[in-house]
mmCIF file of all heavy atoms, coordinates in Angstrom:
data_MODEL
# 
_entry.id   MODEL 
# 
loop_
_atom_site.group_PDB 
_atom_site.id 
_atom_site.type_symbol 
_atom_site.label_atom_id 
_atom_site.label_alt_id 
_atom_site.label_comp_id 
_atom_site.label_asym_id 
_atom_site.label_entity_id 
_atom_site.label_seq_id 
_atom_site.pdbx_PDB_ins_code 
_atom_site.Cartn_x 
_atom_site.Cartn_y 
_atom_site.Cartn_z 
_atom_site.occupancy 
_atom_site.B_iso_or_equiv 
_atom_site.pdbx_formal_charge 
_atom_site.auth_seq_id 
_atom_site.auth_comp_id 
_atom_site.auth_asym_id 
_atom_site.auth_atom_id 
_atom_site.pdbx_PDB_model_num 
ATOM 1   N N   . GLU A 1 1  ? 164.909 128.157 124.467 1.00 0.00 ? 1  GLU A N   1 
ATOM 2   C CA  . GLU A 1 1  ? 165.529 127.993 125.799 1.00 0.00 ? 1  GLU A CA  1 
ATOM 3   C C   . GLU A 1 1  ? 164.528 127.435 126.803 1.00 0.00 ? 1  GLU A C   1 
ATOM 4   O O   . GLU A 1 1  ? 164.881 126.634 127.652 1.00 0.00 ? 1  GLU A O   1 
ATOM 5   C CB  . GLU A 1 1  ? 166.080 129.331 126.315 1.00 0.00 ? 1  GLU A CB  1 
ATOM 6   C CG  . GLU A 1 1  ? 167.107 129.980 125.465 1.00 0.00 ? 1  GLU A CG  1 
ATOM 7   C CD  . GLU A 1 1  ? 166.483 130.923 124.435 1.00 0.00 ? 1  GLU A CD  1 
ATOM 8   O OE1 . GLU A 1 1  ? 165.284 131.192 124.497 1.00 0.00 ? 1  GLU A OE1 1 
ATOM 9   O OE2 . GLU A 1 1  ? 167.247 131.307 123.530 1.00 0.00 ? 1  GLU A OE2 1 
ATOM 10  N N   . TYR A 1 2  ? 163.269 127.858 126.667 1.00 0.00 ? 2  TYR A N   1 
ATOM 11  C CA  . TYR A 1 2  ? 162.241 127.433 127.595 1.00 0.00 ? 2  TYR A CA  1 
ATOM 12  C C   . TYR A 1 2  ? 161.966 125.934 127.455 1.00 0.00 ? 2  TYR A C   1 
ATOM 13  O O   . TYR A 1 2  ? 161.654 125.268 128.449 1.00 0.00 ? 2  TYR A O   1 
ATOM 14  C CB  . TYR A 1 2  ? 160.963 128.236 127.370 1.00 0.00 ? 2  TYR A CB  1 
ATOM 15  C CG  . TYR A 1 2  ? 161.174 129.701 127.563 1.00 0.00 ? 2  TYR A CG  1 
ATOM 16  C CD1 . TYR A 1 2  ? 161.191 130.564 126.484 1.00 0.00 ? 2  TYR A CD1 1 
ATOM 17  C CD2 . TYR A 1 2  ? 161.443 130.242 128.822 1.00 0.00 ? 2  TYR A CD2 1 
ATOM 18  C CE1 . TYR A 1 2  ? 161.444 131.925 126.636 1.00 0.00 ? 2  TYR A CE1 1 
ATOM 19  C CE2 . TYR A 1 2  ? 161.692 131.565 129.003 1.00 0.00 ? 2  TYR A CE2 1 
ATOM 20  C CZ  . TYR A 1 2  ? 161.689 132.404 127.906 1.00 0.00 ? 2  TYR A CZ  1 
ATOM 21  O OH  . TYR A 1 2  ? 161.935 133.753 128.075 1.00 0.00 ? 2  TYR A OH  1 
ATOM 22  N N   . VAL A 1 3  ? 162.094 125.421 126.286 1.00 0.00 ? 3  VAL A N   1 
ATOM 23  C CA  . VAL A 1 3  ? 161.932 123.973 126.090 1.00 0.00 ? 3  VAL A CA  1 
ATOM 24  C C   . VAL A 1 3  ? 163.030 123.231 126.852 1.00 0.00 ? 3  VAL A C   1 
ATOM 25  O O   . VAL A 1 3  ? 162.779 122.270 127.582 1.00 0.00 ? 3  VAL A O   1 
ATOM 26  C CB  . VAL A 1 3  ? 161.948 123.609 124.594 1.00 0.00 ? 3  VAL A CB  1 
ATOM 27  C CG1 . VAL A 1 3  ? 162.100 122.096 124.381 1.00 0.00 ? 3  VAL A CG1 1 
ATOM 28  C CG2 . VAL A 1 3  ? 160.727 124.148 123.885 1.00 0.00 ? 3  VAL A CG2 1 
ATOM 29  N N   . LEU A 1 4  ? 164.277 123.710 126.702 1.00 0.00 ? 4  LEU A N   1 
ATOM 30  C CA  . LEU A 1 4  ? 165.380 123.048 127.427 1.00 0.00 ? 4  LEU A CA  1 
ATOM 31  C C   . LEU A 1 4  ? 165.239 123.200 128.927 1.00 0.00 ? 4  LEU A C   1 
ATOM 32  O O   . LEU A 1 4  ? 165.578 122.296 129.697 1.00 0.00 ? 4  LEU A O   1 
ATOM 33  C CB  . LEU A 1 4  ? 166.733 123.637 126.961 1.00 0.00 ? 4  LEU A CB  1 
ATOM 34  C CG  . LEU A 1 4  ? 167.030 123.383 125.464 1.00 0.00 ? 4  LEU A CG  1 
ATOM 35  C CD1 . LEU A 1 4  ? 168.349 124.029 125.111 1.00 0.00 ? 4  LEU A CD1 1 
ATOM 36  C CD2 . LEU A 1 4  ? 167.074 121.894 125.175 1.00 0.00 ? 4  LEU A CD2 1 
ATOM 37  N N   . LEU A 1 5  ? 164.699 124.348 129.383 1.00 0.00 ? 5  LEU A N   1 
ATOM 38  C CA  . LEU A 1 5  ? 164.434 124.520 130.822 1.00 0.00 ? 5  LEU A CA  1 
ATOM 39  C C   . LEU A 1 5  ? 163.432 123.501 131.304 1.00 0.00 ? 5  LEU A C   1 
ATOM 40  O O   . LEU A 1 5  ? 163.571 122.919 132.369 1.00 0.00 ? 5  LEU A O   1 
ATOM 41  C CB  . LEU A 1 5  ? 163.967 125.944 131.065 1.00 0.00 ? 5  LEU A CB  1 
ATOM 42  C CG  . LEU A 1 5  ? 163.671 126.303 132.499 1.00 0.00 ? 5  LEU A CG  1 
ATOM 43  C CD1 . LEU A 1 5  ? 164.947 126.202 133.347 1.00 0.00 ? 5  LEU A CD1 1 
ATOM 44  C CD2 . LEU A 1 5  ? 163.121 127.713 132.571 1.00 0.00 ? 5  LEU A CD2 1 
ATOM 45  N N   . GLU A 1 6  ? 162.343 123.268 130.528 1.00 0.00 ? 6  GLU A N   1 
ATOM 46  C CA  . GLU A 1 6  ? 161.349 122.280 130.912 1.00 0.00 ? 6  GLU A CA  1 
ATOM 47  C C   . GLU A 1 6  ? 161.947 120.874 130.944 1.00 0.00 ? 6  GLU A C   1 
ATOM 48  O O   . GLU A 1 6  ? 161.605 120.089 131.823 1.00 0.00 ? 6  GLU A O   1 
ATOM 49  C CB  . GLU A 1 6  ? 160.160 122.299 129.928 1.00 0.00 ? 6  GLU A CB  1 
ATOM 50  C CG  . GLU A 1 6  ? 159.319 123.536 130.059 1.00 0.00 ? 6  GLU A CG  1 
ATOM 51  C CD  . GLU A 1 6  ? 158.181 123.592 129.055 1.00 0.00 ? 6  GLU A CD  1 
ATOM 52  O OE1 . GLU A 1 6  ? 158.395 123.170 127.896 1.00 0.00 ? 6  GLU A OE1 1 
ATOM 53  O OE2 . GLU A 1 6  ? 157.100 124.085 129.426 1.00 0.00 ? 6  GLU A OE2 1 
ATOM 54  N N   . VAL A 1 7  ? 162.766 120.548 129.964 1.00 0.00 ? 7  VAL A N   1 
ATOM 55  C CA  . VAL A 1 7  ? 163.429 119.237 129.939 1.00 0.00 ? 7  VAL A CA  1 
ATOM 56  C C   . VAL A 1 7  ? 164.347 119.092 131.158 1.00 0.00 ? 7  VAL A C   1 
ATOM 57  O O   . VAL A 1 7  ? 164.347 118.080 131.816 1.00 0.00 ? 7  VAL A O   1 
ATOM 58  C CB  . VAL A 1 7  ? 164.196 119.043 128.634 1.00 0.00 ? 7  VAL A CB  1 
ATOM 59  C CG1 . VAL A 1 7  ? 164.947 117.698 128.661 1.00 0.00 ? 7  VAL A CG1 1 
ATOM 60  C CG2 . VAL A 1 7  ? 163.221 119.064 127.450 1.00 0.00 ? 7  VAL A CG2 1 
ATOM 61  N N   . ALA A 1 8  ? 165.108 120.133 131.468 1.00 0.00 ? 8  ALA A N   1 
ATOM 62  C CA  . ALA A 1 8  ? 165.960 120.118 132.639 1.00 0.00 ? 8  ALA A CA  1 
ATOM 63  C C   . ALA A 1 8  ? 165.182 119.902 133.907 1.00 0.00 ? 8  ALA A C   1 
ATOM 64  O O   . ALA A 1 8  ? 165.574 119.154 134.808 1.00 0.00 ? 8  ALA A O   1 
ATOM 65  C CB  . ALA A 1 8  ? 166.795 121.404 132.729 1.00 0.00 ? 8  ALA A CB  1 
ATOM 66  N N   . ASN A 1 9  ? 164.036 120.555 134.016 1.00 0.00 ? 9  ASN A N   1 
ATOM 67  C CA  . ASN A 1 9  ? 163.179 120.400 135.178 1.00 0.00 ? 9  ASN A CA  1 
ATOM 68  C C   . ASN A 1 9  ? 162.678 118.945 135.260 1.00 0.00 ? 9  ASN A C   1 
ATOM 69  O O   . ASN A 1 9  ? 162.660 118.359 136.342 1.00 0.00 ? 9  ASN A O   1 
ATOM 70  C CB  . ASN A 1 9  ? 162.004 121.378 135.112 1.00 0.00 ? 9  ASN A CB  1 
ATOM 71  C CG  . ASN A 1 9  ? 161.163 121.304 136.334 1.00 0.00 ? 9  ASN A CG  1 
ATOM 72  O OD1 . ASN A 1 9  ? 161.640 121.432 137.448 1.00 0.00 ? 9  ASN A OD1 1 
ATOM 73  N ND2 . ASN A 1 9  ? 159.851 121.167 136.149 1.00 0.00 ? 9  ASN A ND2 1 
ATOM 74  N N   . PHE A 1 10 ? 162.264 118.382 134.135 1.00 0.00 ? 10 PHE A N   1 
ATOM 75  C CA  . PHE A 1 10 ? 161.780 117.016 134.091 1.00 0.00 ? 10 PHE A CA  1 
ATOM 76  C C   . PHE A 1 10 ? 162.888 116.020 134.557 1.00 0.00 ? 10 PHE A C   1 
ATOM 77  O O   . PHE A 1 10 ? 162.589 115.036 135.186 1.00 0.00 ? 10 PHE A O   1 
ATOM 78  C CB  . PHE A 1 10 ? 161.268 116.679 132.698 1.00 0.00 ? 10 PHE A CB  1 
ATOM 79  C CG  . PHE A 1 10 ? 160.735 115.269 132.568 1.00 0.00 ? 10 PHE A CG  1 
ATOM 80  C CD1 . PHE A 1 10 ? 159.453 114.968 132.987 1.00 0.00 ? 10 PHE A CD1 1 
ATOM 81  C CD2 . PHE A 1 10 ? 161.528 114.250 132.077 1.00 0.00 ? 10 PHE A CD2 1 
ATOM 82  C CE1 . PHE A 1 10 ? 158.960 113.697 132.875 1.00 0.00 ? 10 PHE A CE1 1 
ATOM 83  C CE2 . PHE A 1 10 ? 161.034 112.940 131.956 1.00 0.00 ? 10 PHE A CE2 1 
ATOM 84  C CZ  . PHE A 1 10 ? 159.763 112.662 132.390 1.00 0.00 ? 10 PHE A CZ  1 
ATOM 85  N N   . LEU A 1 11 ? 164.121 116.329 134.147 1.00 0.00 ? 11 LEU A N   1 
ATOM 86  C CA  . LEU A 1 11 ? 165.236 115.443 134.469 1.00 0.00 ? 11 LEU A CA  1 
ATOM 87  C C   . LEU A 1 11 ? 166.061 115.937 135.650 1.00 0.00 ? 11 LEU A C   1 
ATOM 88  O O   . LEU A 1 11 ? 167.261 115.700 135.715 1.00 0.00 ? 11 LEU A O   1 
ATOM 89  C CB  . LEU A 1 11 ? 166.142 115.329 133.221 1.00 0.00 ? 11 LEU A CB  1 
ATOM 90  C CG  . LEU A 1 11 ? 165.480 114.692 132.001 1.00 0.00 ? 11 LEU A CG  1 
ATOM 91  C CD1 . LEU A 1 11 ? 166.386 114.833 130.781 1.00 0.00 ? 11 LEU A CD1 1 
ATOM 92  C CD2 . LEU A 1 11 ? 165.130 113.218 132.255 1.00 0.00 ? 11 LEU A CD2 1 
ATOM 93  N N   . SER A 1 12 ? 165.411 116.605 136.607 1.00 0.00 ? 12 SER A N   1 
ATOM 94  C CA  . SER A 1 12 ? 166.153 117.220 137.719 1.00 0.00 ? 12 SER A CA  1 
ATOM 95  C C   . SER A 1 12 ? 166.459 116.272 138.889 1.00 0.00 ? 12 SER A C   1 
ATOM 96  O O   . SER A 1 12 ? 167.193 116.649 139.762 1.00 0.00 ? 12 SER A O   1 
ATOM 97  C CB  . SER A 1 12 ? 165.380 118.442 138.224 1.00 0.00 ? 12 SER A CB  1 
ATOM 98  O OG  . SER A 1 12 ? 164.131 118.050 138.769 1.00 0.00 ? 12 SER A OG  1 
ATOM 99  N N   . ARG A 1 13 ? 165.888 115.080 138.840 1.00 0.00 ? 13 ARG A N   1 
ATOM 100 C CA  . ARG A 1 13 ? 166.254 114.121 139.890 1.00 0.00 ? 13 ARG A CA  1 
ATOM 101 C C   . ARG A 1 13 ? 167.726 113.748 139.753 1.00 0.00 ? 13 ARG A C   1 
ATOM 102 O O   . ARG A 1 13 ? 168.293 113.767 138.631 1.00 0.00 ? 13 ARG A O   1 
ATOM 103 C CB  . ARG A 1 13 ? 165.416 112.818 139.758 1.00 0.00 ? 13 ARG A CB  1 
ATOM 104 C CG  . ARG A 1 13 ? 163.968 113.029 140.139 1.00 0.00 ? 13 ARG A CG  1 
ATOM 105 C CD  . ARG A 1 13 ? 163.181 111.735 140.215 1.00 0.00 ? 13 ARG A CD  1 
ATOM 106 N NE  . ARG A 1 13 ? 164.030 110.549 140.295 1.00 0.00 ? 13 ARG A NE  1 
ATOM 107 C CZ  . ARG A 1 13 ? 163.824 109.461 139.571 1.00 0.00 ? 13 ARG A CZ  1 
ATOM 108 N NH1 . ARG A 1 13 ? 162.837 109.386 138.743 1.00 0.00 ? 13 ARG A NH1 1 
ATOM 109 N NH2 . ARG A 1 13 ? 164.654 108.411 139.717 1.00 0.00 ? 13 ARG A NH2 1 
ATOM 110 N N   . ALA A 1 14 ? 168.355 113.418 140.875 1.00 0.00 ? 14 ALA A N   1 
ATOM 111 C CA  . ALA A 1 14 ? 169.791 113.133 140.853 1.00 0.00 ? 14 ALA A CA  1 
ATOM 112 C C   . ALA A 1 14 ? 170.164 112.072 139.837 1.00 0.00 ? 14 ALA A C   1 
ATOM 113 O O   . ALA A 1 14 ? 171.192 112.188 139.144 1.00 0.00 ? 14 ALA A O   1 
ATOM 114 C CB  . ALA A 1 14 ? 170.221 112.713 142.252 1.00 0.00 ? 14 ALA A CB  1 
ATOM 115 N N   . ASP A 1 15 ? 169.341 111.032 139.711 1.00 0.00 ? 15 ASP A N   1 
ATOM 116 C CA  . ASP A 1 15 ? 169.641 109.939 138.777 1.00 0.00 ? 15 ASP A CA  1 
ATOM 117 C C   . ASP A 1 15 ? 169.508 110.382 137.304 1.00 0.00 ? 15 ASP A C   1 
ATOM 118 O O   . ASP A 1 15 ? 170.077 109.729 136.417 1.00 0.00 ? 15 ASP A O   1 
ATOM 119 C CB  . ASP A 1 15 ? 168.717 108.776 139.004 1.00 0.00 ? 15 ASP A CB  1 
ATOM 120 C CG  . ASP A 1 15 ? 168.936 108.106 140.373 1.00 0.00 ? 15 ASP A CG  1 
ATOM 121 O OD1 . ASP A 1 15 ? 169.961 108.349 140.979 1.00 0.00 ? 15 ASP A OD1 1 
ATOM 122 O OD2 . ASP A 1 15 ? 168.040 107.352 140.799 1.00 0.00 ? 15 ASP A OD2 1 
ATOM 123 N N   . ASP A 1 16 ? 168.784 111.437 137.044 1.00 0.00 ? 16 ASP A N   1 
ATOM 124 C CA  . ASP A 1 16 ? 168.532 111.869 135.683 1.00 0.00 ? 16 ASP A CA  1 
ATOM 125 C C   . ASP A 1 16 ? 169.377 113.022 135.208 1.00 0.00 ? 16 ASP A C   1 
ATOM 126 O O   . ASP A 1 16 ? 169.361 113.383 134.006 1.00 0.00 ? 16 ASP A O   1 
ATOM 127 C CB  . ASP A 1 16 ? 167.057 112.273 135.544 1.00 0.00 ? 16 ASP A CB  1 
ATOM 128 C CG  . ASP A 1 16 ? 166.104 111.105 135.756 1.00 0.00 ? 16 ASP A CG  1 
ATOM 129 O OD1 . ASP A 1 16 ? 166.489 109.977 135.449 1.00 0.00 ? 16 ASP A OD1 1 
ATOM 130 O OD2 . ASP A 1 16 ? 164.942 111.353 136.141 1.00 0.00 ? 16 ASP A OD2 1 
ATOM 131 N N   . LYS A 1 17 ? 170.122 113.646 136.102 1.00 0.00 ? 17 LYS A N   1 
ATOM 132 C CA  . LYS A 1 17 ? 170.914 114.828 135.716 1.00 0.00 ? 17 LYS A CA  1 
ATOM 133 C C   . LYS A 1 17 ? 171.932 114.495 134.650 1.00 0.00 ? 17 LYS A C   1 
ATOM 134 O O   . LYS A 1 17 ? 172.166 115.305 133.758 1.00 0.00 ? 17 LYS A O   1 
ATOM 135 C CB  . LYS A 1 17 ? 171.557 115.458 136.950 1.00 0.00 ? 17 LYS A CB  1 
ATOM 136 C CG  . LYS A 1 17 ? 170.567 116.160 137.810 1.00 0.00 ? 17 LYS A CG  1 
ATOM 137 C CD  . LYS A 1 17 ? 171.210 116.829 138.984 1.00 0.00 ? 17 LYS A CD  1 
ATOM 138 C CE  . LYS A 1 17 ? 170.111 117.517 139.840 1.00 0.00 ? 17 LYS A CE  1 
ATOM 139 N NZ  . LYS A 1 17 ? 170.686 118.223 140.960 1.00 0.00 ? 17 LYS A NZ  1 
ATOM 140 N N   . SER A 1 18 ? 172.527 113.331 134.725 1.00 0.00 ? 18 SER A N   1 
ATOM 141 C CA  . SER A 1 18 ? 173.518 112.966 133.706 1.00 0.00 ? 18 SER A CA  1 
ATOM 142 C C   . SER A 1 18 ? 172.855 112.800 132.330 1.00 0.00 ? 18 SER A C   1 
ATOM 143 O O   . SER A 1 18 ? 173.491 113.043 131.300 1.00 0.00 ? 18 SER A O   1 
ATOM 144 C CB  . SER A 1 18 ? 174.251 111.692 134.101 1.00 0.00 ? 18 SER A CB  1 
ATOM 145 O OG  . SER A 1 18 ? 173.361 110.581 134.192 1.00 0.00 ? 18 SER A OG  1 
ATOM 146 N N   . VAL A 1 19 ? 171.591 112.378 132.310 1.00 0.00 ? 19 VAL A N   1 
ATOM 147 C CA  . VAL A 1 19 ? 170.868 112.235 131.028 1.00 0.00 ? 19 VAL A CA  1 
ATOM 148 C C   . VAL A 1 19 ? 170.675 113.595 130.400 1.00 0.00 ? 19 VAL A C   1 
ATOM 149 O O   . VAL A 1 19 ? 170.919 113.767 129.190 1.00 0.00 ? 19 VAL A O   1 
ATOM 150 C CB  . VAL A 1 19 ? 169.471 111.557 131.259 1.00 0.00 ? 19 VAL A CB  1 
ATOM 151 C CG1 . VAL A 1 19 ? 168.659 111.541 130.008 1.00 0.00 ? 19 VAL A CG1 1 
ATOM 152 C CG2 . VAL A 1 19 ? 169.655 110.157 131.852 1.00 0.00 ? 19 VAL A CG2 1 
ATOM 153 N N   . PHE A 1 20 ? 170.308 114.595 131.212 1.00 0.00 ? 20 PHE A N   1 
ATOM 154 C CA  . PHE A 1 20 ? 170.171 115.932 130.668 1.00 0.00 ? 20 PHE A CA  1 
ATOM 155 C C   . PHE A 1 20 ? 171.519 116.513 130.194 1.00 0.00 ? 20 PHE A C   1 
ATOM 156 O O   . PHE A 1 20 ? 171.586 117.118 129.132 1.00 0.00 ? 20 PHE A O   1 
ATOM 157 C CB  . PHE A 1 20 ? 169.523 116.895 131.686 1.00 0.00 ? 20 PHE A CB  1 
ATOM 158 C CG  . PHE A 1 20 ? 169.396 118.305 131.139 1.00 0.00 ? 20 PHE A CG  1 
ATOM 159 C CD1 . PHE A 1 20 ? 168.446 118.575 130.180 1.00 0.00 ? 20 PHE A CD1 1 
ATOM 160 C CD2 . PHE A 1 20 ? 170.259 119.300 131.538 1.00 0.00 ? 20 PHE A CD2 1 
ATOM 161 C CE1 . PHE A 1 20 ? 168.338 119.839 129.653 1.00 0.00 ? 20 PHE A CE1 1 
ATOM 162 C CE2 . PHE A 1 20 ? 170.137 120.570 131.013 1.00 0.00 ? 20 PHE A CE2 1 
ATOM 163 C CZ  . PHE A 1 20 ? 169.176 120.853 130.046 1.00 0.00 ? 20 PHE A CZ  1 
ATOM 164 N N   . LEU A 1 21 ? 172.523 116.269 130.973 1.00 0.00 ? 21 LEU A N   1 
ATOM 165 C CA  . LEU A 1 21 ? 173.859 116.764 130.604 1.00 0.00 ? 21 LEU A CA  1 
ATOM 166 C C   . LEU A 1 21 ? 174.300 116.168 129.262 1.00 0.00 ? 21 LEU A C   1 
ATOM 167 O O   . LEU A 1 21 ? 174.810 116.880 128.388 1.00 0.00 ? 21 LEU A O   1 
ATOM 168 C CB  . LEU A 1 21 ? 174.893 116.446 131.686 1.00 0.00 ? 21 LEU A CB  1 
ATOM 169 C CG  . LEU A 1 21 ? 176.327 116.896 131.391 1.00 0.00 ? 21 LEU A CG  1 
ATOM 170 C CD1 . LEU A 1 21 ? 176.381 118.376 131.159 1.00 0.00 ? 21 LEU A CD1 1 
ATOM 171 C CD2 . LEU A 1 21 ? 177.247 116.476 132.533 1.00 0.00 ? 21 LEU A CD2 1 
ATOM 172 N N   . GLU A 1 22 ? 174.080 114.872 129.051 1.00 0.00 ? 22 GLU A N   1 
ATOM 173 C CA  . GLU A 1 22 ? 174.432 114.217 127.815 1.00 0.00 ? 22 GLU A CA  1 
ATOM 174 C C   . GLU A 1 22 ? 173.636 114.832 126.626 1.00 0.00 ? 22 GLU A C   1 
ATOM 175 O O   . GLU A 1 22 ? 174.176 115.067 125.550 1.00 0.00 ? 22 GLU A O   1 
ATOM 176 C CB  . GLU A 1 22 ? 174.184 112.712 127.888 1.00 0.00 ? 22 GLU A CB  1 
ATOM 177 C CG  . GLU A 1 22 ? 174.449 111.963 126.613 1.00 0.00 ? 22 GLU A CG  1 
ATOM 178 C CD  . GLU A 1 22 ? 175.935 111.959 126.202 1.00 0.00 ? 22 GLU A CD  1 
ATOM 179 O OE1 . GLU A 1 22 ? 176.781 112.099 127.114 1.00 0.00 ? 22 GLU A OE1 1 
ATOM 180 O OE2 . GLU A 1 22 ? 176.229 111.797 125.015 1.00 0.00 ? 22 GLU A OE2 1 
ATOM 181 N N   . LEU A 1 23 ? 172.353 115.040 126.852 1.00 0.00 ? 23 LEU A N   1 
ATOM 182 C CA  . LEU A 1 23 ? 171.542 115.671 125.827 1.00 0.00 ? 23 LEU A CA  1 
ATOM 183 C C   . LEU A 1 23 ? 172.056 117.065 125.499 1.00 0.00 ? 23 LEU A C   1 
ATOM 184 O O   . LEU A 1 23 ? 172.192 117.418 124.324 1.00 0.00 ? 23 LEU A O   1 
ATOM 185 C CB  . LEU A 1 23 ? 170.056 115.756 126.331 1.00 0.00 ? 23 LEU A CB  1 
ATOM 186 C CG  . LEU A 1 23 ? 169.108 116.524 125.412 1.00 0.00 ? 23 LEU A CG  1 
ATOM 187 C CD1 . LEU A 1 23 ? 168.936 115.826 124.072 1.00 0.00 ? 23 LEU A CD1 1 
ATOM 188 C CD2 . LEU A 1 23 ? 167.763 116.703 126.111 1.00 0.00 ? 23 LEU A CD2 1 
ATOM 189 N N   . LEU A 1 24 ? 172.360 117.841 126.478 1.00 0.00 ? 24 LEU A N   1 
ATOM 190 C CA  . LEU A 1 24 ? 172.847 119.184 126.277 1.00 0.00 ? 24 LEU A CA  1 
ATOM 191 C C   . LEU A 1 24 ? 174.197 119.182 125.540 1.00 0.00 ? 24 LEU A C   1 
ATOM 192 O O   . LEU A 1 24 ? 174.408 119.991 124.621 1.00 0.00 ? 24 LEU A O   1 
ATOM 193 C CB  . LEU A 1 24 ? 172.998 119.922 127.618 1.00 0.00 ? 24 LEU A CB  1 
ATOM 194 C CG  . LEU A 1 24 ? 173.216 121.405 127.591 1.00 0.00 ? 24 LEU A CG  1 
ATOM 195 C CD1 . LEU A 1 24 ? 172.082 122.125 126.867 1.00 0.00 ? 24 LEU A CD1 1 
ATOM 196 C CD2 . LEU A 1 24 ? 173.351 121.943 129.000 1.00 0.00 ? 24 LEU A CD2 1 
ATOM 197 N N   . LEU A 1 25 ? 175.065 118.284 125.892 1.00 0.00 ? 25 LEU A N   1 
ATOM 198 C CA  . LEU A 1 25 ? 176.355 118.173 125.198 1.00 0.00 ? 25 LEU A CA  1 
ATOM 199 C C   . LEU A 1 25 ? 176.162 117.806 123.738 1.00 0.00 ? 25 LEU A C   1 
ATOM 200 O O   . LEU A 1 25 ? 176.854 118.351 122.829 1.00 0.00 ? 25 LEU A O   1 
ATOM 201 C CB  . LEU A 1 25 ? 177.271 117.193 125.897 1.00 0.00 ? 25 LEU A CB  1 
ATOM 202 C CG  . LEU A 1 25 ? 177.783 117.602 127.267 1.00 0.00 ? 25 LEU A CG  1 
ATOM 203 C CD1 . LEU A 1 25 ? 178.494 116.414 127.929 1.00 0.00 ? 25 LEU A CD1 1 
ATOM 204 C CD2 . LEU A 1 25 ? 178.669 118.806 127.176 1.00 0.00 ? 25 LEU A CD2 1 
ATOM 205 N N   . ARG A 1 26 ? 175.225 116.898 123.452 1.00 0.00 ? 26 ARG A N   1 
ATOM 206 C CA  . ARG A 1 26 ? 174.974 116.539 122.038 1.00 0.00 ? 26 ARG A CA  1 
ATOM 207 C C   . ARG A 1 26 ? 174.362 117.690 121.255 1.00 0.00 ? 26 ARG A C   1 
ATOM 208 O O   . ARG A 1 26 ? 174.701 117.875 120.075 1.00 0.00 ? 26 ARG A O   1 
ATOM 209 C CB  . ARG A 1 26 ? 174.041 115.329 122.001 1.00 0.00 ? 26 ARG A CB  1 
ATOM 210 C CG  . ARG A 1 26 ? 174.704 114.030 122.428 1.00 0.00 ? 26 ARG A CG  1 
ATOM 211 C CD  . ARG A 1 26 ? 173.714 112.877 122.446 1.00 0.00 ? 26 ARG A CD  1 
ATOM 212 N NE  . ARG A 1 26 ? 174.310 111.674 122.911 1.00 0.00 ? 26 ARG A NE  1 
ATOM 213 C CZ  . ARG A 1 26 ? 174.545 110.652 122.146 1.00 0.00 ? 26 ARG A CZ  1 
ATOM 214 N NH1 . ARG A 1 26 ? 174.204 110.662 120.876 1.00 0.00 ? 26 ARG A NH1 1 
ATOM 215 N NH2 . ARG A 1 26 ? 175.125 109.566 122.645 1.00 0.00 ? 26 ARG A NH2 1 
ATOM 216 N N   . LEU A 1 27 ? 173.503 118.436 121.892 1.00 0.00 ? 27 LEU A N   1 
ATOM 217 C CA  . LEU A 1 27 ? 172.913 119.608 121.214 1.00 0.00 ? 27 LEU A CA  1 
ATOM 218 C C   . LEU A 1 27 ? 174.011 120.663 120.933 1.00 0.00 ? 27 LEU A C   1 
ATOM 219 O O   . LEU A 1 27 ? 174.024 121.234 119.833 1.00 0.00 ? 27 LEU A O   1 
ATOM 220 C CB  . LEU A 1 27 ? 171.782 120.205 122.049 1.00 0.00 ? 27 LEU A CB  1 
ATOM 221 C CG  . LEU A 1 27 ? 170.536 119.364 122.179 1.00 0.00 ? 27 LEU A CG  1 
ATOM 222 C CD1 . LEU A 1 27 ? 169.573 120.000 123.186 1.00 0.00 ? 27 LEU A CD1 1 
ATOM 223 C CD2 . LEU A 1 27 ? 169.886 119.165 120.835 1.00 0.00 ? 27 LEU A CD2 1 
ATOM 224 N N   . ARG A 1 28 ? 174.841 120.930 121.861 1.00 0.00 ? 28 ARG A N   1 
ATOM 225 C CA  . ARG A 1 28 ? 175.912 121.868 121.685 1.00 0.00 ? 28 ARG A CA  1 
ATOM 226 C C   . ARG A 1 28 ? 176.881 121.409 120.578 1.00 0.00 ? 28 ARG A C   1 
ATOM 227 O O   . ARG A 1 28 ? 177.374 122.215 119.790 1.00 0.00 ? 28 ARG A O   1 
ATOM 228 C CB  . ARG A 1 28 ? 176.690 122.092 122.962 1.00 0.00 ? 28 ARG A CB  1 
ATOM 229 C CG  . ARG A 1 28 ? 175.966 122.951 123.952 1.00 0.00 ? 28 ARG A CG  1 
ATOM 230 C CD  . ARG A 1 28 ? 176.751 123.188 125.194 1.00 0.00 ? 28 ARG A CD  1 
ATOM 231 N NE  . ARG A 1 28 ? 176.066 124.077 126.088 1.00 0.00 ? 28 ARG A NE  1 
ATOM 232 C CZ  . ARG A 1 28 ? 176.388 124.248 127.349 1.00 0.00 ? 28 ARG A CZ  1 
ATOM 233 N NH1 . ARG A 1 28 ? 177.437 123.626 127.842 1.00 0.00 ? 28 ARG A NH1 1 
ATOM 234 N NH2 . ARG A 1 28 ? 175.718 125.072 128.092 1.00 0.00 ? 28 ARG A NH2 1 
# 
């Protein structure tokens, strides 16, 4: 979970949030 938290933090800019969401959806 901590790895995903770090990735979310890295992609926390408004332009990057959709990138994290797509990654999370693929992992799920």
